Amino acid sequence: MNFFGIGIPELLLILVIALIVFGPERLPEIGRSIGKAVRDFRQMSAGFTSEWQELSKELEEAASEVQRGVKDVEAELGELESDIEKVAKIE
């Protein structure tokens, strides 16, 4: 088990030091605070992830619209070119 590069022995040492520094009365309160902070961070990151996915989807849709517009313009230019060649042959 490895949390942020910290193994079990290091984690136990940190817990013992925290127990000595803060005392057994405040340790559960500190644990709850840390748990709440981690939960809030996860919720925020999930929100950012969903917003990012939504934005990238909108950008992909806009890019495909632009590509369709370019293809339409290319088709119209091809038609105009052929019309101009026909007119040039007649004259």
PDB file of N, CA and C in Angstrom:
ATOM      1  N   MET A   1       0.848  -1.174   0.000  1.00  0.00           N
ATOM      2  CA  MET A   1       0.000   0.000   0.000  1.00  0.00           C
ATOM      3  C   MET A   1       0.890   1.231   0.000  1.00  0.00           C
ATOM      4  N   ASN A   2       0.592   2.187  -0.892  1.00  0.00           N
ATOM      5  CA  ASN A   2       1.472   3.326  -1.064  1.00  0.00           C
ATOM      6  C   ASN A   2       0.628   4.575  -1.314  1.00  0.00           C
ATOM      7  N   PHE A   3       0.632   5.518  -0.390  1.00  0.00           N
ATOM      8  CA  PHE A   3      -0.115   6.771  -0.520  1.00  0.00           C
ATOM      9  C   PHE A   3       0.871   7.903  -0.722  1.00  0.00           C
ATOM     10  N   PHE A   4       0.833   8.534  -1.887  1.00  0.00           N
ATOM     11  CA  PHE A   4       1.690   9.678  -2.183  1.00  0.00           C
ATOM     12  C   PHE A   4       3.167   9.374  -1.936  1.00  0.00           C
ATOM     13  N   GLY A   5       3.586   8.156  -2.229  1.00  0.00           N
ATOM     14  CA  GLY A   5       4.978   7.778  -2.044  1.00  0.00           C
ATOM     15  C   GLY A   5       5.310   7.444  -0.598  1.00  0.00           C
ATOM     16  N   ILE A   6       4.292   7.305   0.260  1.00  0.00           N
ATOM     17  CA  ILE A   6       4.509   6.995   1.672  1.00  0.00           C
ATOM     18  C   ILE A   6       4.030   5.574   1.919  1.00  0.00           C
ATOM     19  N   GLY A   7       4.914   4.757   2.459  1.00  0.00           N
ATOM     20  CA  GLY A   7       4.562   3.374   2.754  1.00  0.00           C
ATOM     21  C   GLY A   7       3.916   3.253   4.129  1.00  0.00           C
ATOM     22  N   ILE A   8       3.596   2.020   4.515  1.00  0.00           N
ATOM     23  CA  ILE A   8       2.946   1.750   5.805  1.00  0.00           C
ATOM     24  C   ILE A   8       3.820   2.203   6.985  1.00  0.00           C
ATOM     25  N   PRO A   9       5.111   1.875   7.019  1.00  0.00           N
ATOM     26  CA  PRO A   9       5.909   2.313   8.177  1.00  0.00           C
ATOM     27  C   PRO A   9       5.949   3.837   8.332  1.00  0.00           C
ATOM     28  N   GLU A  10       6.110   4.538   7.221  1.00  0.00           N
ATOM     29  CA  GLU A  10       6.144   5.999   7.295  1.00  0.00           C
ATOM     30  C   GLU A  10       4.802   6.555   7.750  1.00  0.00           C
ATOM     31  N   LEU A  11       3.712   5.960   7.260  1.00  0.00           N
ATOM     32  CA  LEU A  11       2.376   6.408   7.644  1.00  0.00           C
ATOM     33  C   LEU A  11       2.140   6.201   9.138  1.00  0.00           C
ATOM     34  N   LEU A  12       2.563   5.057   9.673  1.00  0.00           N
ATOM     35  CA  LEU A  12       2.440   4.802  11.108  1.00  0.00           C
ATOM     36  C   LEU A  12       3.248   5.805  11.922  1.00  0.00           C
ATOM     37  N   LEU A  13       4.449   6.131  11.465  1.00  0.00           N
ATOM     38  CA  LEU A  13       5.279   7.112  12.156  1.00  0.00           C
ATOM     39  C   LEU A  13       4.598   8.480  12.174  1.00  0.00           C
ATOM     40  N   ILE A  14       4.013   8.872  11.048  1.00  0.00           N
ATOM     41  CA  ILE A  14       3.297  10.151  10.986  1.00  0.00           C
ATOM     42  C   ILE A  14       2.117  10.146  11.945  1.00  0.00           C
ATOM     43  N   LEU A  15       1.375   9.045  12.004  1.00  0.00           N
ATOM     44  CA  LEU A  15       0.236   8.956  12.915  1.00  0.00           C
ATOM     45  C   LEU A  15       0.666   9.032  14.379  1.00  0.00           C
ATOM     46  N   VAL A  16       1.760   8.375  14.729  1.00  0.00           N
ATOM     47  CA  VAL A  16       2.261   8.434  16.112  1.00  0.00           C
ATOM     48  C   VAL A  16       2.686   9.856  16.461  1.00  0.00           C
ATOM     49  N   ILE A  17       3.391  10.514  15.563  1.00  0.00           N
ATOM     50  CA  ILE A  17       3.811  11.901  15.806  1.00  0.00           C
ATOM     51  C   ILE A  17       2.585  12.804  15.939  1.00  0.00           C
ATOM     52  N   ALA A  18       1.584  12.617  15.080  1.00  0.00           N
ATOM     53  CA  ALA A  18       0.360  13.419  15.175  1.00  0.00           C
ATOM     54  C   ALA A  18      -0.351  13.163  16.495  1.00  0.00           C
ATOM     55  N   LEU A  19      -0.361  11.922  16.960  1.00  0.00           N
ATOM     56  CA  LEU A  19      -0.980  11.586  18.241  1.00  0.00           C
ATOM     57  C   LEU A  19      -0.256  12.286  19.388  1.00  0.00           C
ATOM     58  N   ILE A  20       1.064  12.327  19.315  1.00  0.00           N
ATOM     59  CA  ILE A  20       1.847  12.982  20.362  1.00  0.00           C
ATOM     60  C   ILE A  20       1.625  14.496  20.330  1.00  0.00           C
ATOM     61  N   VAL A  21       1.652  15.085  19.130  1.00  0.00           N
ATOM     62  CA  VAL A  21       1.546  16.537  19.002  1.00  0.00           C
ATOM     63  C   VAL A  21       0.139  17.024  19.326  1.00  0.00           C
ATOM     64  N   PHE A  22      -0.885  16.399  18.763  1.00  0.00           N
ATOM     65  CA  PHE A  22      -2.251  16.907  18.907  1.00  0.00           C
ATOM     66  C   PHE A  22      -3.017  16.252  20.058  1.00  0.00           C
ATOM     67  N   GLY A  23      -2.606  15.098  20.476  1.00  0.00           N
ATOM     68  CA  GLY A  23      -3.304  14.414  21.553  1.00  0.00           C
ATOM     69  C   GLY A  23      -4.462  13.586  21.028  1.00  0.00           C
ATOM     70  N   PRO A  24      -4.902  12.622  21.833  1.00  0.00           N
ATOM     71  CA  PRO A  24      -5.961  11.726  21.378  1.00  0.00           C
ATOM     72  C   PRO A  24      -7.329  12.410  21.247  1.00  0.00           C
ATOM     73  N   GLU A  25      -7.534  13.543  21.923  1.00  0.00           N
ATOM     74  CA  GLU A  25      -8.835  14.220  21.852  1.00  0.00           C
ATOM     75  C   GLU A  25      -9.057  14.886  20.496  1.00  0.00           C
ATOM     76  N   ARG A  26      -8.017  15.518  19.972  1.00  0.00           N
ATOM     77  CA  ARG A  26      -8.160  16.286  18.729  1.00  0.00           C
ATOM     78  C   ARG A  26      -7.892  15.467  17.474  1.00  0.00           C
ATOM     79  N   LEU A  27      -7.300  14.308  17.609  1.00  0.00           N
ATOM     80  CA  LEU A  27      -6.934  13.500  16.437  1.00  0.00           C
ATOM     81  C   LEU A  27      -8.148  13.106  15.591  1.00  0.00           C
ATOM     82  N   PRO A  28      -9.268  12.645  16.166  1.00  0.00           N
ATOM     83  CA  PRO A  28     -10.437  12.339  15.323  1.00  0.00           C
ATOM     84  C   PRO A  28     -10.981  13.566  14.591  1.00  0.00           C
ATOM     85  N   GLU A  29     -10.946  14.714  15.264  1.00  0.00           N
ATOM     86  CA  GLU A  29     -11.413  15.960  14.634  1.00  0.00           C
ATOM     87  C   GLU A  29     -10.526  16.318  13.436  1.00  0.00           C
ATOM     88  N   ILE A  30      -9.240  16.175  13.605  1.00  0.00           N
ATOM     89  CA  ILE A  30      -8.301  16.467  12.513  1.00  0.00           C
ATOM     90  C   ILE A  30      -8.515  15.488  11.368  1.00  0.00           C
ATOM     91  N   GLY A  31      -8.739  14.215  11.706  1.00  0.00           N
ATOM     92  CA  GLY A  31      -8.999  13.204  10.674  1.00  0.00           C
ATOM     93  C   GLY A  31     -10.253  13.527   9.874  1.00  0.00           C
ATOM     94  N   ARG A  32     -11.318  13.948  10.568  1.00  0.00           N
ATOM     95  CA  ARG A  32     -12.545  14.335   9.866  1.00  0.00           C
ATOM     96  C   ARG A  32     -12.306  15.529   8.951  1.00  0.00           C
ATOM     97  N   SER A  33     -11.542  16.501   9.445  1.00  0.00           N
ATOM     98  CA  SER A  33     -11.251  17.688   8.628  1.00  0.00           C
ATOM     99  C   SER A  33     -10.482  17.320   7.373  1.00  0.00           C
ATOM    100  N   ILE A  34      -9.507  16.446   7.529  1.00  0.00           N
ATOM    101  CA  ILE A  34      -8.722  16.014   6.359  1.00  0.00           C
ATOM    102  C   ILE A  34      -9.603  15.227   5.398  1.00  0.00           C
ATOM    103  N   GLY A  35     -10.450  14.346   5.918  1.00  0.00           N
ATOM    104  CA  GLY A  35     -11.363  13.574   5.069  1.00  0.00           C
ATOM    105  C   GLY A  35     -12.322  14.468   4.309  1.00  0.00           C
ATOM    106  N   LYS A  36     -12.850  15.495   4.992  1.00  0.00           N
ATOM    107  CA  LYS A  36     -13.766  16.440   4.332  1.00  0.00           C
ATOM    108  C   LYS A  36     -13.038  17.210   3.229  1.00  0.00           C
ATOM    109  N   ALA A  37     -11.802  17.627   3.507  1.00  0.00           N
ATOM    110  CA  ALA A  37     -11.025  18.361   2.499  1.00  0.00           C
ATOM    111  C   ALA A  37     -10.762  17.493   1.273  1.00  0.00           C
ATOM    112  N   VAL A  38     -10.426  16.219   1.495  1.00  0.00           N
ATOM    113  CA  VAL A  38     -10.183  15.305   0.369  1.00  0.00           C
ATOM    114  C   VAL A  38     -11.464  15.101  -0.424  1.00  0.00           C
ATOM    115  N   ARG A  39     -12.604  14.925   0.269  1.00  0.00           N
ATOM    116  CA  ARG A  39     -13.888  14.738  -0.414  1.00  0.00           C
ATOM    117  C   ARG A  39     -14.250  15.973  -1.240  1.00  0.00           C
ATOM    118  N   ASP A  40     -14.069  17.161  -0.655  1.00  0.00           N
ATOM    119  CA  ASP A  40     -14.358  18.396  -1.390  1.00  0.00           C
ATOM    120  C   ASP A  40     -13.462  18.538  -2.613  1.00  0.00           C
ATOM    121  N   PHE A  41     -12.193  18.179  -2.460  1.00  0.00           N
ATOM    122  CA  PHE A  41     -11.262  18.250  -3.585  1.00  0.00           C
ATOM    123  C   PHE A  41     -11.695  17.316  -4.706  1.00  0.00           C
ATOM    124  N   ARG A  42     -12.117  16.105  -4.347  1.00  0.00           N
ATOM    125  CA  ARG A  42     -12.575  15.149  -5.366  1.00  0.00           C
ATOM    126  C   ARG A  42     -13.814  15.670  -6.084  1.00  0.00           C
ATOM    127  N   GLN A  43     -14.743  16.261  -5.337  1.00  0.00           N
ATOM    128  CA  GLN A  43     -15.956  16.801  -5.960  1.00  0.00           C
ATOM    129  C   GLN A  43     -15.608  17.935  -6.916  1.00  0.00           C
ATOM    130  N   MET A  44     -14.699  18.813  -6.480  1.00  0.00           N
ATOM    131  CA  MET A  44     -14.297  19.917  -7.355  1.00  0.00           C
ATOM    132  C   MET A  44     -13.615  19.399  -8.613  1.00  0.00           C
ATOM    133  N   SER A  45     -12.733  18.419  -8.459  1.00  0.00           N
ATOM    134  CA  SER A  45     -12.029  17.906  -9.632  1.00  0.00           C
ATOM    135  C   SER A  45     -12.999  17.186 -10.569  1.00  0.00           C
ATOM    136  N   ALA A  46     -14.007  16.509 -10.016  1.00  0.00           N
ATOM    137  CA  ALA A  46     -15.020  15.870 -10.869  1.00  0.00           C
ATOM    138  C   ALA A  46     -15.806  16.933 -11.634  1.00  0.00           C
ATOM    139  N   GLY A  47     -16.114  18.043 -10.968  1.00  0.00           N
ATOM    140  CA  GLY A  47     -16.813  19.138 -11.642  1.00  0.00           C
ATOM    141  C   GLY A  47     -15.986  19.725 -12.766  1.00  0.00           C
ATOM    142  N   PHE A  48     -14.690  19.936 -12.505  1.00  0.00           N
ATOM    143  CA  PHE A  48     -13.813  20.473 -13.542  1.00  0.00           C
ATOM    144  C   PHE A  48     -13.711  19.495 -14.715  1.00  0.00           C
ATOM    145  N   THR A  49     -13.635  18.214 -14.403  1.00  0.00           N
ATOM    146  CA  THR A  49     -13.531  17.203 -15.455  1.00  0.00           C
ATOM    147  C   THR A  49     -14.769  17.212 -16.343  1.00  0.00           C
ATOM    148  N   SER A  50     -15.948  17.272 -15.723  1.00  0.00           N
ATOM    149  CA  SER A  50     -17.178  17.265 -16.529  1.00  0.00           C
ATOM    150  C   SER A  50     -17.290  18.542 -17.355  1.00  0.00           C
ATOM    151  N   GLU A  51     -16.898  19.690 -16.777  1.00  0.00           N
ATOM    152  CA  GLU A  51     -16.922  20.934 -17.555  1.00  0.00           C
ATOM    153  C   GLU A  51     -15.954  20.864 -18.722  1.00  0.00           C
ATOM    154  N   TRP A  52     -14.774  20.299 -18.495  1.00  0.00           N
ATOM    155  CA  TRP A  52     -13.772  20.178 -19.553  1.00  0.00           C
ATOM    156  C   TRP A  52     -14.288  19.280 -20.674  1.00  0.00           C
ATOM    157  N   GLN A  53     -14.919  18.173 -20.317  1.00  0.00           N
ATOM    158  CA  GLN A  53     -15.463  17.273 -21.332  1.00  0.00           C
ATOM    159  C   GLN A  53     -16.565  17.955 -22.127  1.00  0.00           C
ATOM    160  N   GLU A  54     -17.403  18.721 -21.448  1.00  0.00           N
ATOM    161  CA  GLU A  54     -18.480  19.446 -22.130  1.00  0.00           C
ATOM    162  C   GLU A  54     -17.910  20.469 -23.098  1.00  0.00           C
ATOM    163  N   LEU A  55     -16.895  21.205 -22.644  1.00  0.00           N
ATOM    164  CA  LEU A  55     -16.276  22.220 -23.490  1.00  0.00           C
ATOM    165  C   LEU A  55     -15.598  21.587 -24.700  1.00  0.00           C
ATOM    166  N   SER A  56     -14.894  20.482 -24.493  1.00  0.00           N
ATOM    167  CA  SER A  56     -14.217  19.838 -25.624  1.00  0.00           C
ATOM    168  C   SER A  56     -15.235  19.293 -26.627  1.00  0.00           C
ATOM    169  N   LYS A  57     -16.378  18.819 -26.132  1.00  0.00           N
ATOM    170  CA  LYS A  57     -17.427  18.337 -27.039  1.00  0.00           C
ATOM    171  C   LYS A  57     -17.966  19.500 -27.870  1.00  0.00           C
ATOM    172  N   GLU A  58     -18.201  20.652 -27.235  1.00  0.00           N
ATOM    173  CA  GLU A  58     -18.680  21.823 -27.967  1.00  0.00           C
ATOM    174  C   GLU A  58     -17.665  22.262 -29.008  1.00  0.00           C
ATOM    175  N   LEU A  59     -16.377  22.230 -28.656  1.00  0.00           N
ATOM    176  CA  LEU A  59     -15.338  22.622 -29.609  1.00  0.00           C
ATOM    177  C   LEU A  59     -15.277  21.658 -30.789  1.00  0.00           C
ATOM    178  N   GLU A  60     -15.438  20.368 -30.529  1.00  0.00           N
ATOM    179  CA  GLU A  60     -15.441  19.385 -31.617  1.00  0.00           C
ATOM    180  C   GLU A  60     -16.624  19.614 -32.549  1.00  0.00           C
ATOM    181  N   GLU A  61     -17.791  19.935 -31.980  1.00  0.00           N
ATOM    182  CA  GLU A  61     -18.970  20.212 -32.811  1.00  0.00           C
ATOM    183  C   GLU A  61     -18.742  21.457 -33.658  1.00  0.00           C
ATOM    184  N   ALA A  62     -18.153  22.492 -33.065  1.00  0.00           N
ATOM    185  CA  ALA A  62     -17.873  23.713 -33.816  1.00  0.00           C
ATOM    186  C   ALA A  62     -16.870  23.447 -34.933  1.00  0.00           C
ATOM    187  N   ALA A  63     -15.863  22.626 -34.647  1.00  0.00           N
ATOM    188  CA  ALA A  63     -14.862  22.299 -35.665  1.00  0.00           C
ATOM    189  C   ALA A  63     -15.498  21.540 -36.816  1.00  0.00           C
ATOM    190  N   SER A  64     -16.424  20.599 -36.508  1.00  0.00           N
ATOM    191  CA  SER A  64     -17.068  19.875 -37.608  1.00  0.00           C
ATOM    192  C   SER A  64     -17.969  20.789 -38.425  1.00  0.00           C
ATOM    193  N   GLU A  65     -18.597  21.764 -37.777  1.00  0.00           N
ATOM    194  CA  GLU A  65     -19.408  22.725 -38.535  1.00  0.00           C
ATOM    195  C   GLU A  65     -18.534  23.526 -39.490  1.00  0.00           C
ATOM    196  N   VAL A  66     -17.377  23.940 -39.002  1.00  0.00           N
ATOM    197  CA  VAL A  66     -16.453  24.700 -39.859  1.00  0.00           C
ATOM    198  C   VAL A  66     -15.994  23.836 -41.023  1.00  0.00           C
ATOM    199  N   GLN A  67     -15.688  22.565 -40.754  1.00  0.00           N
ATOM    200  CA  GLN A  67     -15.261  21.669 -41.831  1.00  0.00           C
ATOM    201  C   GLN A  67     -16.369  21.486 -42.861  1.00  0.00           C
ATOM    202  N   ARG A  68     -17.612  21.350 -42.402  1.00  0.00           N
ATOM    203  CA  ARG A  68     -18.725  21.231 -43.353  1.00  0.00           C
ATOM    204  C   ARG A  68     -18.855  22.508 -44.177  1.00  0.00           C
ATOM    205  N   GLY A  69     -18.690  23.658 -43.529  1.00  0.00           N
ATOM    206  CA  GLY A  69     -18.763  24.931 -44.260  1.00  0.00           C
ATOM    207  C   GLY A  69     -17.676  25.036 -45.312  1.00  0.00           C
ATOM    208  N   VAL A  70     -16.462  24.607 -44.961  1.00  0.00           N
ATOM    209  CA  VAL A  70     -15.350  24.643 -45.919  1.00  0.00           C
ATOM    210  C   VAL A  70     -15.642  23.727 -47.098  1.00  0.00           C
ATOM    211  N   LYS A  71     -16.175  22.548 -46.833  1.00  0.00           N
ATOM    212  CA  LYS A  71     -16.502  21.617 -47.927  1.00  0.00           C
ATOM    213  C   LYS A  71     -17.577  22.206 -48.827  1.00  0.00           C
ATOM    214  N   ASP A  72     -18.575  22.875 -48.235  1.00  0.00           N
ATOM    215  CA  ASP A  72     -19.619  23.508 -49.043  1.00  0.00           C
ATOM    216  C   ASP A  72     -19.033  24.602 -49.932  1.00  0.00           C
ATOM    217  N   VAL A  73     -18.147  25.412 -49.375  1.00  0.00           N
ATOM    218  CA  VAL A  73     -17.518  26.486 -50.157  1.00  0.00           C
ATOM    219  C   VAL A  73     -16.666  25.892 -51.269  1.00  0.00           C
ATOM    220  N   GLU A  74     -15.933  24.818 -50.962  1.00  0.00           N
ATOM    221  CA  GLU A  74     -15.124  24.166 -51.999  1.00  0.00           C
ATOM    222  C   GLU A  74     -16.005  23.634 -53.123  1.00  0.00           C
ATOM    223  N   ALA A  75     -17.151  23.070 -52.772  1.00  0.00           N
ATOM    224  CA  ALA A  75     -18.064  22.553 -53.799  1.00  0.00           C
ATOM    225  C   ALA A  75     -18.589  23.694 -54.665  1.00  0.00           C
ATOM    226  N   GLU A  76     -18.959  24.801 -54.034  1.00  0.00           N
ATOM    227  CA  GLU A  76     -19.458  25.946 -54.799  1.00  0.00           C
ATOM    228  C   GLU A  76     -18.372  26.510 -55.695  1.00  0.00           C
ATOM    229  N   LEU A  77     -17.134  26.557 -55.189  1.00  0.00           N
ATOM    230  CA  LEU A  77     -16.034  27.051 -56.025  1.00  0.00           C
ATOM    231  C   LEU A  77     -15.793  26.129 -57.211  1.00  0.00           C
ATOM    232  N   GLY A  78     -15.918  24.821 -56.986  1.00  0.00           N
ATOM    233  CA  GLY A  78     -15.767  23.874 -58.095  1.00  0.00           C
ATOM    234  C   GLY A  78     -16.837  24.086 -59.143  1.00  0.00           C
ATOM    235  N   GLU A  79     -18.076  24.330 -58.706  1.00  0.00           N
ATOM    236  CA  GLU A  79     -19.167  24.589 -59.661  1.00  0.00           C
ATOM    237  C   GLU A  79     -18.907  25.885 -60.432  1.00  0.00           C
ATOM    238  N   LEU A  80     -18.460  26.913 -59.724  1.00  0.00           N
ATOM    239  CA  LEU A  80     -18.160  28.182 -60.392  1.00  0.00           C
ATOM    240  C   LEU A  80     -17.035  28.018 -61.403  1.00  0.00           C
ATOM    241  N   GLU A  81     -16.033  27.240 -61.044  1.00  0.00           N
ATOM    242  CA  GLU A  81     -14.914  27.008 -61.946  1.00  0.00           C
ATOM    243  C   GLU A  81     -15.380  26.307 -63.218  1.00  0.00           C
ATOM    244  N   SER A  82     -16.234  25.303 -63.038  1.00  0.00           N
ATOM    245  CA  SER A  82     -16.716  24.597 -64.230  1.00  0.00           C
ATOM    246  C   SER A  82     -17.611  25.509 -65.068  1.00  0.00           C
ATOM    247  N   ASP A  83     -18.421  26.362 -64.418  1.00  0.00           N
ATOM    248  CA  ASP A  83     -19.241  27.319 -65.169  1.00  0.00           C
ATOM    249  C   ASP A  83     -18.370  28.293 -65.934  1.00  0.00           C
ATOM    250  N   ILE A  84     -17.290  28.757 -65.327  1.00  0.00           N
ATOM    251  CA  ILE A  84     -16.397  29.698 -66.000  1.00  0.00           C
ATOM    252  C   ILE A  84     -15.716  29.017 -67.187  1.00  0.00           C
ATOM    253  N   GLU A  85     -15.320  27.742 -67.033  1.00  0.00           N
ATOM    254  CA  GLU A  85     -14.706  27.023 -68.146  1.00  0.00           C
ATOM    255  C   GLU A  85     -15.677  26.847 -69.289  1.00  0.00           C
ATOM    256  N   LYS A  86     -16.956  26.586 -68.980  1.00  0.00           N
ATOM    257  CA  LYS A  86     -17.974  26.448 -70.021  1.00  0.00           C
ATOM    258  C   LYS A  86     -18.143  27.751 -70.762  1.00  0.00           C
ATOM    259  N   VAL A  87     -18.192  28.864 -70.021  1.00  0.00           N
ATOM    260  CA  VAL A  87     -18.359  30.171 -70.655  1.00  0.00           C
ATOM    261  C   VAL A  87     -17.143  30.495 -71.508  1.00  0.00           C
ATOM    262  N   ALA A  88     -15.957  30.149 -71.037  1.00  0.00           N
ATOM    263  CA  ALA A  88     -14.728  30.435 -71.783  1.00  0.00           C
ATOM    264  C   ALA A  88     -14.694  29.624 -73.078  1.00  0.00           C
ATOM    265  N   LYS A  89     -15.219  28.411 -73.076  1.00  0.00           N
ATOM    266  CA  LYS A  89     -15.239  27.579 -74.292  1.00  0.00           C
ATOM    267  C   LYS A  89     -16.221  28.137 -75.316  1.00  0.00           C
ATOM    268  N   ILE A  90     -17.319  28.699 -74.841  1.00  0.00           N
ATOM    269  CA  ILE A  90     -18.338  29.226 -75.752  1.00  0.00           C
ATOM    270  C   ILE A  90     -17.777  30.455 -76.463  1.00  0.00           C
ATOM    271  N   GLU A  91     -17.046  31.253 -75.784  1.00  0.00           N
ATOM    272  CA  GLU A  91     -16.535  32.497 -76.388  1.00  0.00           C
ATOM    273  C   GLU A  91     -15.369  32.214 -77.214  1.00  0.00           C
TER     274      GLU A  91
END
